[in-house]
Amino acid sequence: MPAARVPLVRRLALLLALEGVALVAVGIGYAVVGLSSGADRAPIELASGAAVLTGLLLLLLARAVDRSRPWSRSPAVVINVFPFPLGLTLLDAGVWWVALPMVALAGSVLYLFATPDLRERFRERA
C-alpha cells in the first residue's frame, strides 16, 4: 500500500465521522427542543430520530472506510448527495452559516471518493 493513499483514507474517514457526530448532536438537540416545547412533538421526534440514526450510520461507514471496505463507498456517496438540495433550501431561508459548511463537508467527501487513488481502493472485485 503506497504511503500517499493512507492519508486520503484517514481524511475521508475523519470527514465521515465528523458528519456523523454533527448529525447525532443535531438529533439530540432536536430531542431536547421537542421535550421542552408544547407543540406537536411528532415531527420533531421524527427529525430527531432520523438525524441520530443517519449520524450513527455515518459513524459506522467512517469505520468501514478507515478499514477500506469496498461496500462502504456506495452508502456513503448516497448519503452525501442529500446535503446539496437541503443546502440550497437553507440558503434560500437565509441560514447560510449552516448551509455552506454542510455543503462543503459533503462535497469534500464526494471529491475524495472520486479521486483516482480512492476509486481504485474502494473498487469491488468479483
Protein backbone atom coordinates (compact mmCIF):
# COMPACT_ATOMS: atom_id res chain seq x y z
CA MET A 1 0.00 0.00 0.00
CA PRO A 2 1.61 3.28 -1.09
CA ALA A 3 2.04 5.82 1.70
CA ALA A 4 0.14 8.53 -0.24
CA ARG A 5 -3.13 6.57 -0.09
CA VAL A 6 -3.30 6.21 3.67
CA PRO A 7 -3.75 9.93 4.46
CA LEU A 8 -6.60 10.18 1.93
CA VAL A 9 -8.42 7.25 3.53
CA ARG A 10 -7.88 8.68 7.00
CA ARG A 11 -9.06 12.12 5.87
CA LEU A 12 -12.16 10.62 4.29
CA ALA A 13 -12.93 8.57 7.41
CA LEU A 14 -12.44 11.66 9.56
CA LEU A 15 -14.85 13.72 7.43
CA LEU A 16 -17.49 10.97 7.58
CA ALA A 17 -17.04 10.72 11.36
CA LEU A 18 -17.37 14.50 11.65
CA GLU A 19 -20.64 14.37 9.71
CA GLY A 20 -21.86 11.54 11.93
CA VAL A 21 -21.05 13.31 15.18
CA ALA A 22 -22.67 16.51 13.92
CA LEU A 23 -25.87 14.70 12.97
CA VAL A 24 -26.07 12.88 16.29
CA ALA A 25 -25.63 16.24 18.05
CA VAL A 26 -28.36 17.82 15.91
CA GLY A 27 -30.66 14.89 16.64
CA ILE A 28 -30.08 15.22 20.38
CA GLY A 29 -30.69 18.97 20.10
CA TYR A 30 -33.99 18.33 18.30
CA ALA A 31 -34.97 15.87 21.02
CA VAL A 32 -34.27 18.40 23.76
CA VAL A 33 -36.28 21.08 21.94
CA GLY A 34 -39.10 18.59 21.40
CA LEU A 35 -39.25 17.72 25.07
CA SER A 36 -39.29 21.37 26.16
CA SER A 37 -41.85 22.66 23.65
CA GLY A 38 -45.57 22.33 23.96
CA ALA A 39 -46.10 21.97 20.21
CA ASP A 40 -46.93 18.77 18.34
CA ARG A 41 -43.85 16.67 19.03
CA ALA A 42 -44.27 14.01 16.34
CA PRO A 43 -42.41 15.90 13.57
CA ILE A 44 -39.63 16.90 15.97
CA GLU A 45 -39.27 13.34 17.23
CA LEU A 46 -39.17 12.03 13.67
CA ALA A 47 -36.47 14.52 12.66
CA SER A 48 -34.53 13.77 15.83
CA GLY A 49 -34.64 10.04 15.26
CA ALA A 50 -33.69 10.35 11.60
CA ALA A 51 -30.74 12.60 12.40
CA VAL A 52 -29.42 10.29 15.13
CA LEU A 53 -29.81 7.15 13.01
CA THR A 54 -28.15 8.76 9.99
CA GLY A 55 -25.35 10.04 12.20
CA LEU A 56 -24.77 6.57 13.65
CA LEU A 57 -24.77 5.10 10.13
CA LEU A 58 -22.16 7.66 9.08
CA LEU A 59 -20.01 6.72 12.07
CA LEU A 60 -20.21 3.04 11.06
CA LEU A 61 -19.35 3.99 7.48
CA ALA A 62 -16.39 6.04 8.71
CA ARG A 63 -15.05 2.97 10.45
CA ALA A 64 -15.61 0.81 7.36
CA VAL A 65 -13.90 3.42 5.14
CA ASP A 66 -10.95 3.55 7.52
CA ARG A 67 -10.65 -0.22 7.09
CA SER A 68 -11.00 0.17 3.28
CA ARG A 69 -14.14 -1.93 2.99
CA PRO A 70 -15.32 -1.68 -0.65
CA TRP A 71 -19.03 -1.89 0.27
CA SER A 72 -18.83 1.33 2.30
CA ARG A 73 -18.45 3.60 -0.74
CA SER A 74 -21.99 3.40 -2.16
CA PRO A 75 -23.96 4.21 1.01
CA ALA A 76 -21.52 6.99 1.94
CA VAL A 77 -21.86 8.58 -1.51
CA VAL A 78 -25.66 8.33 -1.47
CA ILE A 79 -25.91 9.90 1.99
CA ASN A 80 -23.59 12.74 0.93
CA VAL A 81 -25.72 13.69 -2.08
CA PHE A 82 -28.64 14.79 0.15
CA PRO A 83 -26.97 17.87 1.71
CA PHE A 84 -26.91 19.69 -1.65
CA PRO A 85 -30.68 20.27 -2.09
CA LEU A 86 -31.02 20.80 1.65
CA GLY A 87 -28.21 23.37 1.49
CA LEU A 88 -29.99 25.24 -1.31
CA THR A 89 -33.15 25.35 0.77
CA LEU A 90 -31.21 26.65 3.76
CA LEU A 91 -29.53 29.30 1.59
CA ASP A 92 -32.95 30.45 0.38
CA ALA A 93 -34.05 30.66 4.01
CA GLY A 94 -31.03 32.83 4.84
CA VAL A 95 -29.28 30.26 7.02
CA TRP A 96 -26.01 30.37 5.09
CA TRP A 97 -23.84 29.69 8.18
CA VAL A 98 -25.37 26.19 8.32
CA ALA A 99 -25.72 25.58 4.58
CA LEU A 100 -22.18 26.41 3.49
CA PRO A 101 -20.29 24.15 5.94
CA MET A 102 -22.77 21.33 5.32
CA VAL A 103 -22.37 21.50 1.54
CA ALA A 104 -18.59 21.95 1.81
CA LEU A 105 -18.27 18.88 4.03
CA ALA A 106 -20.44 16.70 1.78
CA GLY A 107 -18.63 18.00 -1.30
CA SER A 108 -15.27 17.16 0.26
CA VAL A 109 -16.38 13.60 0.95
CA LEU A 110 -17.65 13.17 -2.61
CA TYR A 111 -14.46 14.67 -4.02
CA LEU A 112 -12.26 12.31 -2.02
CA PHE A 113 -14.28 9.30 -3.16
CA ALA A 114 -13.80 10.49 -6.76
CA THR A 115 -10.01 10.72 -6.58
CA PRO A 116 -8.24 8.04 -8.65
CA ASP A 117 -6.49 6.52 -5.63
CA LEU A 118 -9.65 6.06 -3.62
CA ARG A 119 -11.71 4.93 -6.61
CA GLU A 120 -9.20 2.13 -7.10
CA ARG A 121 -9.04 1.35 -3.40
CA PHE A 122 -12.83 1.04 -3.00
CA ARG A 123 -13.45 -0.78 -6.27
CA GLU A 124 -15.25 -4.04 -5.55
CA ARG A 125 -13.59 -7.04 -7.04
CA ALA A 126 -15.51 -10.14 -8.06
